[in-house]
Amino acid sequence: MQEYIRKRVLDIGTFIMESTATVRQTADEFGVSKSTVHKDVTERLPLINERMAMEVKHVLENNKAERHIRGGEATRRKYQDN
């Protein structure tokens, strides 16, 4: 694995753990695609740092469980002003 990819993977993992950011927010922050973030945290991170990979996985699973709430909240805000 190239060094810049290794550094990006660790930076992304740290960012997600510290901010509990979603994959989309992380992709925007690092200027990469959602697919790249997903590949970094599911395939590359476990090879580099298994403990961090488990913590990131927990954060992303929690985000996934809550996404229907965020979607409903966005819809409520959209129609609240009308």
Foldseek 3Di string as FASTA:
>chain_A
DDPVLVVLLVVLLVVCLVPLDELVVSCVVVVHDSVSNVCSLPPVCCVPPVVSSVSSVVSHVVCVVCVVVVVVVVVCVVPVVD
